[in-house]
């Protein structure tokens, strides 16, 4: 399973991606979690099981959804609390639920 975490500059998303990756490995999942800036989304969305973005990017929602829909990839925003605490468990749960909806 390949997940993508998107944020403004890629810094906070890198820490979140690491936490989600660790949680996935602890659960025995075959998982890869990458972190990118929103400007890179079109280059990395294809083939992902899910894309999650930081809540501070809600102002870009239309653009982000357009890109992910183009590639048929489920998309949502990370909950504010989970983003601010970098809660890998909850974010992974969210990504798995999102990926399984499709």
Protein backbone atom coordinates (compact mmCIF):
# COMPACT_ATOMS: atom_id res chain seq x y z
CA UNK A 1 0.00 0.00 0.00
CA UNK A 2 1.34 3.38 -0.99
CA UNK A 3 0.09 6.47 0.85
CA UNK A 4 0.85 10.12 0.26
CA UNK A 5 0.88 12.88 2.88
CA UNK A 6 0.66 16.43 1.52
CA UNK A 7 1.47 19.70 3.27
CA UNK A 8 2.61 23.18 2.36
CA UNK A 9 6.35 22.84 2.45
CA UNK A 10 6.77 19.14 3.11
CA UNK A 11 8.43 19.53 6.52
CA UNK A 12 5.63 18.60 8.92
CA UNK A 13 4.33 15.98 6.50
CA UNK A 14 7.71 14.23 6.63
CA UNK A 15 7.37 13.68 10.38
CA UNK A 16 3.79 12.53 9.96
CA UNK A 17 4.76 10.15 7.15
CA UNK A 18 7.44 8.62 9.38
CA UNK A 19 4.92 8.10 12.20
CA UNK A 20 2.37 6.55 9.84
CA UNK A 21 5.06 4.32 8.32
CA UNK A 22 6.17 3.12 11.78
CA UNK A 23 2.58 2.37 12.75
CA UNK A 24 2.00 0.46 9.53
CA UNK A 25 5.13 -1.63 9.99
CA UNK A 26 4.14 -2.34 13.60
CA UNK A 27 0.83 -3.69 12.25
CA UNK A 28 2.62 -5.87 9.74
CA UNK A 29 1.44 -3.92 6.70
CA UNK A 30 3.37 -3.72 3.46
CA UNK A 31 3.28 0.08 3.35
CA UNK A 32 5.14 3.01 1.90
CA UNK A 33 4.31 6.53 3.04
CA UNK A 34 5.73 9.51 1.20
CA UNK A 35 5.53 13.19 2.11
CA UNK A 36 5.38 15.98 -0.45
CA UNK A 37 4.51 19.62 -0.91
CA UNK A 38 1.13 20.40 -2.49
CA UNK A 39 2.93 21.70 -5.57
CA UNK A 40 4.20 18.16 -6.24
CA UNK A 41 0.86 16.35 -5.96
CA UNK A 42 0.27 15.93 -9.67
CA UNK A 43 3.67 14.24 -10.03
CA UNK A 44 3.09 11.74 -7.20
CA UNK A 45 -0.66 10.99 -6.97
CA UNK A 46 -0.92 8.22 -9.53
CA UNK A 47 -1.09 4.70 -8.09
CA UNK A 48 -1.53 5.74 -4.46
CA UNK A 49 -4.00 3.93 -2.22
CA UNK A 50 -4.92 7.27 -0.61
CA UNK A 51 -3.79 10.88 -0.34
CA UNK A 52 -4.15 12.81 2.91
CA UNK A 53 -3.45 16.53 3.20
CA UNK A 54 -2.77 18.77 6.15
CA UNK A 55 -5.83 20.66 7.37
CA UNK A 56 -4.15 24.00 6.69
CA UNK A 57 -4.49 23.29 2.95
CA UNK A 58 -8.29 23.40 2.93
CA UNK A 59 -8.12 26.58 0.88
CA UNK A 60 -6.71 24.40 -1.94
CA UNK A 61 -9.40 21.72 -1.64
CA UNK A 62 -10.85 22.13 -5.14
CA UNK A 63 -7.42 21.90 -6.76
CA UNK A 64 -6.28 18.93 -4.65
CA UNK A 65 -9.51 17.01 -5.28
CA UNK A 66 -9.30 17.70 -9.01
CA UNK A 67 -5.82 16.18 -9.16
CA UNK A 68 -6.63 13.12 -7.06
CA UNK A 69 -9.88 12.48 -8.93
CA UNK A 70 -7.97 12.61 -12.20
CA UNK A 71 -5.94 9.63 -10.98
CA UNK A 72 -8.83 7.91 -9.19
CA UNK A 73 -7.14 8.23 -5.82
CA UNK A 74 -9.18 8.72 -2.62
CA UNK A 75 -8.46 12.03 -0.89
CA UNK A 76 -9.23 13.66 2.43
CA UNK A 77 -7.81 16.08 4.97
CA UNK A 78 -6.12 14.91 8.15
CA UNK A 79 -8.09 15.82 11.26
CA UNK A 80 -6.73 18.95 12.97
CA UNK A 81 -5.93 17.18 16.24
CA UNK A 82 -4.20 14.24 14.57
CA UNK A 83 -2.17 16.59 12.39
CA UNK A 84 -1.05 18.79 15.27
CA UNK A 85 -0.07 15.78 17.41
CA UNK A 86 1.35 13.84 14.44
CA UNK A 87 -0.73 10.84 15.53
CA UNK A 88 0.48 8.08 13.22
CA UNK A 89 -2.07 5.56 14.50
CA UNK A 90 -5.12 7.71 13.83
CA UNK A 91 -3.83 8.99 10.51
CA UNK A 92 -3.11 5.44 9.35
CA UNK A 93 -6.61 4.40 10.43
CA UNK A 94 -8.02 7.29 8.42
CA UNK A 95 -5.96 6.37 5.35
CA UNK A 96 -6.97 2.70 5.56
CA UNK A 97 -10.65 3.59 5.89
CA UNK A 98 -10.36 5.98 2.95
CA UNK A 99 -8.53 3.44 0.76
CA UNK A 100 -11.07 0.72 1.57
CA UNK A 101 -14.02 2.94 0.55
CA UNK A 102 -12.92 2.85 -3.08
